[in-house]
Amino acid sequence: MAQAPKANYDEAKVPAYVLPDPLTLSDGGPVKDANTWRSRRRPEILRLFEESVYGRSPGKPDGVKVETVEVEPRALGGAATRKQARILLTGRADGAALDLLVYLPNPRQGPSPVFLGLNFGGNHTVHEDPAIRLAKGWVAKDEGAADHRTTDAARGRDAGSWPIETILSRGYGFATAYYGDLEPDHTEGLKDSVRTRFGPGAGGKLSPGDWGAIGAWAWGLRRALDYLETDREVDAKRVALMGHSRLGKTALWAGAQDERFALVISNESGEGGAALARRRFGETVASITRAFPHWFAGRFKEYSDREATLPVDSHMLLALMAPRPLYVASAQEDQWADPRGEFLAAKAAEPVYGLLGKDGLGVLEMPAPDTPIGGTIGYHVRRGPHGLTAYDWQQYLAFADRHLRP
């Protein structure tokens, strides 16, 4: 993440702030029971995030078709069944499409729970498997691309972030798609985005309350889940959604909108994700909307240096996952993403989990590095810099074992 000048990394300079209460209705009334949460407060909070942060997103489009590209029952030396599917979002081969890569463990007894996440460089970057199709669209130069078009040299480039064999050995499937299929991640990416084909911006100009790129990427995760629901070898009621960095923000927004995701993981998602905006520590609303204006609804930038007026904060986003299991993770050296702000947001989401009969973190203070904590809400801060590591995956697999096993 590119850092803006004059970022605050001093806890003594964090301003005094008051968080909006997730259990107080917009009219000031209290939320005292699960029915009021589900029927009134949860929809209110979701709408506030749509209006102020991520923008309005469309639902499932009509006419989606799936082209099965491949089913290989003896992939990875027989350890997996590999499936590659092209989700034709407009129903046409020449329209917007999402290429989904799926590995399911061999052998398996019944449908498999699955980890689902978007990747940064194309499906071919998550493993050296030569049968994975290369990404067809725009990719960043730092993903092994020539003229923003990928080559075989990028195969397996990001395999260290995706321990596929380990995931499979634990009895889980793995599914991924390239986020650039939905919108290329640059300021001119809108012209090649699903946002110009579906929803409020289709065929016209986007308004300040319409979806940004994070909304588009989250919408794509929901379409991937639509497909997984059609696969009899996948247990679509046990899909764990995982995202790192900007795609951690995306996973949280997708999980907030779509309660079909059984478990949600945010890995170092920072500002606009799990970190409290009101702390103004590390990355801020001003710096993120200046560097990445296309990620959010246009209205979000109006809260630059005015975070106290934002009607929501990240603890309310995390609360939208309740009562489902939620894991938030930080890295000690990633102060730009504000690890303490991520922990405090998870802590402030506990009252909603408690109202719904679930436990939270189970601690009062932020834990030491490499000390995982939590119940239905999990958290760790590991040593090291921004990244998605084997240590992180060890915790996510253990968390999934506790919550997704029959």
Protein backbone atom coordinates (compact mmCIF):
# COMPACT_ATOMS: atom_id res chain seq x y z
CA MET A 1 0.00 0.00 0.00
CA ALA A 2 1.35 3.43 -0.94
CA GLN A 3 1.55 5.62 2.14
CA ALA A 4 0.46 9.25 2.20
CA PRO A 5 2.72 11.77 3.95
CA LYS A 6 2.19 12.77 7.58
CA ALA A 7 0.50 9.53 8.61
CA ASN A 8 0.06 9.26 12.35
CA TYR A 9 1.75 6.30 14.07
CA ASP A 10 1.65 7.74 17.59
CA GLU A 11 -1.08 6.40 19.90
CA ALA A 12 -0.83 9.63 21.92
CA LYS A 13 -2.03 11.54 18.85
CA VAL A 14 -5.11 9.42 18.24
CA PRO A 15 -8.04 11.81 18.67
CA ALA A 16 -10.75 11.26 21.24
CA TYR A 17 -13.68 9.58 19.55
CA VAL A 18 -17.08 8.08 20.24
CA LEU A 19 -18.18 5.07 18.22
CA PRO A 20 -21.75 4.85 16.92
CA ASP A 21 -23.66 2.24 18.90
CA PRO A 22 -24.57 -0.74 16.69
CA LEU A 23 -27.41 -1.54 19.12
CA THR A 24 -29.11 1.85 18.95
CA LEU A 25 -31.62 2.42 16.16
CA SER A 26 -31.46 5.51 13.97
CA ASP A 27 -34.49 6.90 15.83
CA GLY A 28 -32.65 6.50 19.15
CA GLY A 29 -34.48 3.40 20.32
CA PRO A 30 -32.55 0.47 21.84
CA VAL A 31 -32.01 -2.90 20.20
CA LYS A 32 -32.83 -5.38 22.94
CA ASP A 33 -33.55 -8.60 21.06
CA ALA A 34 -32.48 -10.58 18.03
CA ASN A 35 -35.67 -9.84 16.10
CA THR A 36 -35.15 -6.07 16.33
CA TRP A 37 -31.56 -6.52 15.22
CA ARG A 38 -32.50 -8.62 12.22
CA SER A 39 -35.62 -6.78 11.11
CA ARG A 40 -34.59 -3.18 11.81
CA ARG A 41 -31.05 -2.40 12.93
CA ARG A 42 -29.11 -4.70 10.63
CA PRO A 43 -30.87 -3.33 7.50
CA GLU A 44 -30.23 0.22 8.76
CA ILE A 45 -26.51 -0.36 9.14
CA LEU A 46 -26.26 -2.10 5.78
CA ARG A 47 -27.98 0.85 4.12
CA LEU A 48 -25.66 3.33 5.85
CA PHE A 49 -22.61 1.51 4.50
CA GLU A 50 -24.17 1.54 1.04
CA GLU A 51 -24.88 5.25 1.21
CA SER A 52 -21.62 6.39 2.83
CA VAL A 53 -18.83 3.93 2.05
CA TYR A 54 -19.20 1.22 -0.59
CA GLY A 55 -22.21 2.31 -2.63
CA ARG A 56 -25.32 0.52 -3.82
CA SER A 57 -24.79 -2.82 -5.60
CA PRO A 58 -27.19 -4.76 -7.81
CA GLY A 59 -28.46 -8.26 -7.12
CA LYS A 60 -27.93 -11.36 -9.21
CA PRO A 61 -28.36 -10.58 -12.91
CA ASP A 62 -30.74 -12.49 -15.13
CA GLY A 63 -29.43 -14.90 -17.71
CA VAL A 64 -26.14 -15.93 -16.08
CA LYS A 65 -24.71 -19.05 -17.70
CA VAL A 66 -21.78 -21.26 -16.78
CA GLU A 67 -19.36 -22.77 -19.26
CA THR A 68 -17.55 -25.79 -17.81
CA VAL A 69 -14.02 -25.53 -19.09
CA GLU A 70 -12.51 -28.56 -17.38
CA VAL A 71 -13.02 -31.25 -14.77
CA GLU A 72 -9.85 -33.16 -13.94
CA PRO A 73 -10.35 -35.82 -11.22
CA ARG A 74 -6.62 -36.58 -10.80
CA ALA A 75 -5.05 -33.15 -10.38
CA LEU A 76 -2.02 -32.37 -8.21
CA GLY A 77 -0.79 -35.93 -8.36
CA GLY A 78 -4.22 -37.31 -7.56
CA ALA A 79 -4.68 -35.24 -4.38
CA ALA A 80 -7.42 -33.09 -5.90
CA THR A 81 -10.18 -32.75 -8.43
CA ARG A 82 -9.58 -29.59 -10.41
CA LYS A 83 -12.49 -27.70 -11.94
CA GLN A 84 -12.35 -24.61 -14.10
CA ALA A 85 -15.55 -22.80 -14.96
CA ARG A 86 -16.27 -19.60 -16.84
CA ILE A 87 -19.23 -17.73 -15.34
CA LEU A 88 -20.83 -15.77 -18.19
CA LEU A 89 -22.35 -12.88 -16.29
CA THR A 90 -24.33 -11.59 -19.27
CA GLY A 91 -25.10 -15.09 -20.56
CA ARG A 92 -22.93 -14.45 -23.62
CA ALA A 93 -19.42 -15.69 -24.38
CA ASP A 94 -18.42 -12.21 -25.54
CA GLY A 95 -19.71 -10.46 -22.41
CA ALA A 96 -18.41 -9.92 -18.90
CA ALA A 97 -17.20 -13.18 -17.33
CA LEU A 98 -15.54 -14.53 -14.21
CA ASP A 99 -13.11 -17.45 -14.43
CA LEU A 100 -13.36 -19.64 -11.34
CA LEU A 101 -10.74 -22.20 -10.32
CA VAL A 102 -11.80 -24.91 -7.86
CA TYR A 103 -9.79 -27.69 -6.19
CA LEU A 104 -11.61 -30.33 -4.14
CA PRO A 105 -9.78 -32.83 -1.94
CA ASN A 106 -9.36 -36.48 -2.91
CA PRO A 107 -10.63 -38.68 -1.40
CA ARG A 108 -13.66 -37.05 0.19
CA GLN A 109 -16.78 -38.25 1.92
CA GLY A 110 -19.68 -36.14 0.80
CA PRO A 111 -19.64 -32.48 -0.28
CA SER A 112 -16.60 -30.45 0.77
CA PRO A 113 -16.52 -27.20 2.72
CA VAL A 114 -14.59 -24.63 0.71
CA PHE A 115 -12.36 -21.60 1.24
CA LEU A 116 -13.18 -18.92 -1.34
CA GLY A 117 -11.11 -15.83 -2.07
CA LEU A 118 -10.24 -13.46 -4.87
CA ASN A 119 -6.61 -13.29 -6.01
CA PHE A 120 -4.51 -10.36 -7.17
CA GLY A 121 -2.74 -11.65 -10.28
CA GLY A 122 -4.85 -14.30 -12.01
CA ASN A 123 -5.75 -17.86 -11.11
CA HIS A 124 -2.48 -19.12 -12.59
CA THR A 125 -0.53 -17.22 -9.91
CA VAL A 126 -1.91 -19.22 -6.97
CA HIS A 127 -0.19 -22.50 -7.98
CA GLU A 128 2.38 -23.74 -10.49
CA ASP A 129 -0.13 -26.23 -11.92
CA PRO A 130 0.41 -25.79 -15.71
CA ALA A 131 -3.21 -26.63 -16.49
CA ILE A 132 -4.59 -23.47 -14.84
CA ARG A 133 -5.78 -21.05 -17.49
CA LEU A 134 -3.90 -17.77 -17.78
CA ALA A 135 -5.80 -14.60 -16.97
CA LYS A 136 -6.97 -12.92 -20.16
CA GLY A 137 -7.47 -9.33 -19.03
CA TRP A 138 -5.39 -6.49 -17.61
CA VAL A 139 -2.91 -7.37 -14.86
CA ALA A 140 -0.45 -5.18 -13.02
CA LYS A 141 3.17 -5.19 -14.17
CA ASP A 142 4.32 -6.45 -10.79
CA GLU A 143 2.31 -9.63 -11.38
CA GLY A 144 4.71 -10.83 -14.11
CA ALA A 145 2.92 -9.13 -16.97
CA ALA A 146 4.25 -7.80 -20.26
CA ASP A 147 2.25 -4.77 -21.45
CA HIS A 148 -0.26 -5.60 -18.70
CA ARG A 149 -0.90 -9.02 -20.25
CA THR A 150 0.26 -12.00 -18.24
CA THR A 151 2.67 -14.72 -19.32
CA ASP A 152 3.62 -18.22 -18.17
CA ALA A 153 6.39 -16.63 -16.11
CA ALA A 154 3.76 -15.61 -13.57
CA ARG A 155 2.64 -19.17 -12.82
CA GLY A 156 2.78 -19.84 -9.10
CA ARG A 157 4.08 -16.33 -8.38
CA ASP A 158 1.76 -15.97 -5.35
CA ALA A 159 1.63 -19.63 -4.32
CA GLY A 160 3.13 -18.76 -0.94
CA SER A 161 -0.08 -16.93 -0.06
CA TRP A 162 -2.29 -19.87 -1.00
CA PRO A 163 -1.16 -23.18 0.60
CA ILE A 164 -3.52 -25.22 -1.52
CA GLU A 165 -2.11 -28.65 -0.67
CA THR A 166 -2.37 -27.87 3.05
CA ILE A 167 -5.96 -26.69 2.66
CA LEU A 168 -6.84 -29.86 0.75
CA SER A 169 -5.08 -32.09 3.29
CA ARG A 170 -7.35 -30.66 6.00
CA GLY A 171 -10.46 -31.69 4.08
CA TYR A 172 -11.36 -28.31 2.58
CA GLY A 173 -11.79 -27.32 -1.01
CA PHE A 174 -10.31 -24.16 -2.45
CA ALA A 175 -11.89 -21.76 -4.94
CA THR A 176 -10.53 -18.55 -6.38
CA ALA A 177 -11.07 -15.99 -9.13
CA TYR A 178 -9.08 -13.01 -10.36
CA TYR A 179 -10.43 -9.72 -9.09
CA GLY A 180 -9.44 -7.98 -12.33
CA ASP A 181 -12.06 -10.04 -14.20
CA LEU A 182 -14.61 -7.88 -12.38
CA GLU A 183 -12.79 -4.57 -12.52
CA PRO A 184 -9.14 -3.85 -13.35
CA ASP A 185 -7.59 -2.19 -10.31
CA HIS A 186 -6.61 1.22 -11.64
CA THR A 187 -8.32 4.59 -11.92
CA GLU A 188 -9.44 3.95 -15.51
CA GLY A 189 -10.66 0.41 -14.73
CA LEU A 190 -14.30 1.50 -14.70
CA LYS A 191 -14.54 1.30 -18.49
CA ASP A 192 -13.85 -2.45 -18.29
CA SER A 193 -15.82 -3.04 -15.09
CA VAL A 194 -19.00 -4.93 -14.36
CA ARG A 195 -20.17 -1.59 -12.97
CA THR A 196 -20.75 -0.33 -16.51
CA ARG A 197 -22.81 -3.40 -17.38
CA PHE A 198 -24.95 -4.01 -14.31
CA GLY A 199 -26.62 -2.03 -11.59
CA PRO A 200 -27.02 1.69 -11.05
CA GLY A 201 -24.19 2.77 -13.37
CA ALA A 202 -25.07 0.59 -16.35
CA GLY A 203 -25.11 2.69 -19.47
CA GLY A 204 -24.74 5.97 -17.60
CA LYS A 205 -22.83 8.00 -15.06
CA LEU A 206 -22.39 6.74 -11.51
CA SER A 207 -23.84 8.86 -8.71
CA PRO A 208 -21.93 9.54 -5.44
CA GLY A 209 -23.87 6.76 -3.70
CA ASP A 210 -23.28 4.05 -6.32
CA TRP A 211 -20.86 1.16 -6.00
CA GLY A 212 -17.10 1.43 -6.31
CA ALA A 213 -14.59 -1.26 -7.25
CA ILE A 214 -14.81 -2.94 -3.83
CA GLY A 215 -18.54 -3.26 -4.44
CA ALA A 216 -17.84 -4.80 -7.84
CA TRP A 217 -15.34 -7.29 -6.45
CA ALA A 218 -17.71 -8.22 -3.61
CA TRP A 219 -20.53 -8.67 -6.12
CA GLY A 220 -18.30 -11.11 -8.01
CA LEU A 221 -17.70 -13.17 -4.88
CA ARG A 222 -21.45 -13.53 -4.53
CA ARG A 223 -21.69 -14.74 -8.13
CA ALA A 224 -18.94 -17.28 -7.39
CA LEU A 225 -21.02 -18.55 -4.47
CA ASP A 226 -24.03 -18.81 -6.82
CA TYR A 227 -21.96 -21.21 -8.90
CA LEU A 228 -20.69 -23.19 -5.91
CA GLU A 229 -24.29 -23.75 -4.85
CA THR A 230 -24.83 -25.68 -8.12
CA ASP A 231 -21.90 -28.06 -7.55
CA ARG A 232 -23.05 -31.17 -5.71
CA GLU A 233 -19.48 -31.90 -4.61
CA VAL A 234 -19.34 -28.58 -2.71
CA ASP A 235 -21.07 -27.94 0.61
CA ALA A 236 -22.21 -24.42 -0.22
CA LYS A 237 -23.54 -23.95 3.31
CA ARG A 238 -19.96 -24.19 4.59
CA VAL A 239 -18.10 -21.69 2.43
CA ALA A 240 -15.44 -19.68 4.27
CA LEU A 241 -14.78 -16.32 2.62
CA MET A 242 -11.21 -15.02 2.94
CA GLY A 243 -9.61 -11.81 1.71
CA HIS A 244 -6.27 -10.05 2.17
CA SER A 245 -5.61 -6.30 2.17
CA ARG A 246 -7.99 -4.51 -0.24
CA LEU A 247 -9.57 -7.90 -0.88
CA GLY A 248 -10.01 -8.23 2.89
CA LYS A 249 -12.18 -5.11 2.70
CA THR A 250 -13.96 -6.81 -0.19
CA ALA A 251 -14.54 -10.03 1.77
CA LEU A 252 -16.04 -8.07 4.66
CA TRP A 253 -18.41 -6.17 2.39
CA ALA A 254 -19.44 -9.35 0.56
CA GLY A 255 -19.98 -11.14 3.87
CA ALA A 256 -22.02 -8.24 5.20
CA GLN A 257 -24.34 -8.23 2.20
CA ASP A 258 -24.67 -11.97 1.74
CA GLU A 259 -25.36 -14.15 4.76
CA ARG A 260 -24.91 -17.32 2.72
CA PHE A 261 -21.18 -17.10 3.50
CA ALA A 262 -20.77 -19.29 6.57
CA LEU A 263 -17.53 -17.77 7.88
CA VAL A 264 -15.66 -14.56 6.99
CA ILE A 265 -11.94 -13.78 7.32
CA SER A 266 -10.30 -10.36 7.02
CA ASN A 267 -6.52 -10.47 6.71
CA GLU A 268 -4.96 -7.03 7.32
CA SER A 269 -7.78 -5.12 5.65
CA GLY A 270 -7.06 -1.79 7.36
CA GLU A 271 -8.83 1.45 6.48
CA GLY A 272 -12.14 0.88 4.74
CA GLY A 273 -12.06 -2.64 6.17
CA ALA A 274 -11.59 -3.80 9.77
CA ALA A 275 -9.70 -0.79 11.19
CA LEU A 276 -11.57 1.97 13.00
CA ALA A 277 -11.64 5.08 10.82
CA ARG A 278 -12.15 7.41 13.78
CA ARG A 279 -8.70 6.58 15.15
CA ARG A 280 -7.03 8.32 12.18
CA PHE A 281 -4.01 6.06 12.66
CA GLY A 282 -1.92 5.00 9.66
CA GLU A 283 -4.07 5.08 6.54
CA THR A 284 -7.05 7.42 6.77
CA VAL A 285 -10.18 8.19 4.77
CA ALA A 286 -8.33 11.11 3.17
CA SER A 287 -5.29 9.09 2.12
CA ILE A 288 -7.19 6.06 0.85
CA THR A 289 -9.69 8.05 -1.20
CA ARG A 290 -6.88 10.15 -2.63
CA ALA A 291 -4.78 7.13 -3.65
CA PHE A 292 -7.63 4.79 -4.62
CA PRO A 293 -10.71 6.88 -5.42
CA HIS A 294 -12.21 4.11 -7.53
CA TRP A 295 -12.49 1.64 -4.63
CA PHE A 296 -15.41 3.33 -2.87
CA ALA A 297 -18.61 5.20 -3.51
CA GLY A 298 -17.86 8.79 -4.43
CA ARG A 299 -19.46 10.01 -1.20
CA PHE A 300 -16.88 8.32 1.03
CA LYS A 301 -14.26 10.98 0.27
CA GLU A 302 -16.58 13.60 1.81
CA TYR A 303 -15.53 12.18 5.20
CA SER A 304 -11.84 12.96 4.64
CA ASP A 305 -10.56 14.53 7.87
CA ARG A 306 -14.18 14.36 9.10
CA GLU A 307 -14.31 10.77 10.30
CA ALA A 308 -16.28 11.75 13.39
CA THR A 309 -19.24 12.60 11.14
CA LEU A 310 -19.24 9.23 9.40
CA PRO A 311 -22.51 7.52 10.40
CA VAL A 312 -20.78 4.12 10.63
CA ASP A 313 -17.41 2.68 11.55
CA SER A 314 -15.71 -0.66 11.05
CA HIS A 315 -17.05 -2.29 14.23
CA MET A 316 -20.51 -2.00 12.66
CA LEU A 317 -19.27 -3.66 9.48
CA LEU A 318 -17.87 -6.53 11.55
CA ALA A 319 -21.15 -6.76 13.48
CA LEU A 320 -22.98 -7.41 10.20
CA MET A 321 -21.30 -10.85 10.13
CA ALA A 322 -23.04 -11.87 13.37
CA PRO A 323 -23.87 -14.52 14.41
CA ARG A 324 -21.54 -16.15 11.88
CA PRO A 325 -17.90 -16.85 12.78
CA LEU A 326 -15.60 -13.93 11.97
CA TYR A 327 -11.80 -13.81 12.04
CA VAL A 328 -9.81 -10.55 11.93
CA ALA A 329 -6.02 -10.65 11.59
CA SER A 330 -3.26 -8.05 11.70
CA ALA A 331 0.52 -7.87 11.27
CA GLN A 332 2.72 -6.16 13.84
CA GLU A 333 4.81 -4.26 11.30
CA ASP A 334 1.80 -3.25 9.22
CA GLN A 335 1.07 -0.08 11.15
CA TRP A 336 -0.43 1.49 8.00
CA ALA A 337 -3.37 -0.90 8.46
CA ASP A 338 -3.65 -0.06 12.20
CA PRO A 339 -3.55 -3.43 13.99
CA ARG A 340 -4.86 -1.92 17.24
CA GLY A 341 -7.75 -0.34 15.35
CA GLU A 342 -8.62 -3.72 13.87
CA PHE A 343 -8.57 -5.35 17.31
CA LEU A 344 -10.68 -2.59 18.83
CA ALA A 345 -13.24 -2.89 16.04
CA ALA A 346 -13.57 -6.62 16.66
CA LYS A 347 -13.94 -5.91 20.38
CA ALA A 348 -16.65 -3.30 19.71
CA ALA A 349 -18.60 -5.79 17.58
CA GLU A 350 -18.95 -8.14 20.59
CA PRO A 351 -22.24 -6.69 21.92
CA VAL A 352 -24.05 -7.70 18.73
CA TYR A 353 -22.63 -11.21 18.92
CA GLY A 354 -23.65 -11.35 22.58
CA LEU A 355 -27.19 -10.27 21.75
CA LEU A 356 -27.39 -13.16 19.30
CA GLY A 357 -26.09 -15.68 21.82
CA LYS A 358 -22.50 -15.92 20.60
CA ASP A 359 -19.21 -15.25 22.33
CA GLY A 360 -16.63 -12.76 21.13
CA LEU A 361 -12.90 -12.34 21.65
CA GLY A 362 -12.93 -13.33 25.32
CA VAL A 363 -10.24 -10.81 26.32
CA LEU A 364 -10.12 -7.18 27.40
CA GLU A 365 -6.72 -6.22 25.99
CA MET A 366 -5.03 -6.70 22.64
CA PRO A 367 -3.04 -9.97 22.70
CA ALA A 368 0.71 -10.30 22.30
CA PRO A 369 1.99 -11.11 18.80
CA ASP A 370 1.46 -14.68 17.63
CA THR A 371 -1.18 -15.34 20.31
CA PRO A 372 -4.49 -16.22 18.64
CA ILE A 373 -7.59 -15.49 20.71
CA GLY A 374 -11.34 -15.64 20.46
CA GLY A 375 -14.51 -17.65 20.23
CA THR A 376 -17.00 -16.86 17.49
CA ILE A 377 -14.86 -13.79 16.78
CA GLY A 378 -11.21 -14.70 16.29
CA TYR A 379 -8.19 -12.42 16.20
CA HIS A 380 -4.42 -12.50 16.01
CA VAL A 381 -1.62 -10.08 15.32
CA ARG A 382 1.44 -11.88 14.01
CA ARG A 383 5.01 -10.76 13.82
CA GLY A 384 6.17 -9.44 10.48
CA PRO A 385 4.98 -7.15 7.68
CA HIS A 386 1.87 -6.90 5.53
CA GLY A 387 1.21 -10.21 3.80
CA LEU A 388 -0.69 -13.49 3.82
CA THR A 389 1.48 -16.17 5.41
CA ALA A 390 1.52 -19.82 6.42
CA TYR A 391 1.05 -18.71 10.04
CA ASP A 392 -2.14 -16.87 9.11
CA TRP A 393 -3.49 -19.92 7.32
CA GLN A 394 -2.73 -22.16 10.30
CA GLN A 395 -5.06 -19.99 12.37
CA TYR A 396 -7.78 -19.83 9.70
CA LEU A 397 -7.81 -23.59 9.25
CA ALA A 398 -7.98 -24.17 13.01
CA PHE A 399 -10.81 -21.60 13.27
CA ALA A 400 -12.69 -23.30 10.44
CA ASP A 401 -12.18 -26.68 12.11
CA ARG A 402 -13.92 -25.34 15.21
CA HIS A 403 -16.83 -23.74 13.42
CA LEU A 404 -17.45 -25.52 10.10
CA ARG A 405 -16.98 -29.14 11.02
CA PRO A 406 -20.27 -31.08 11.36
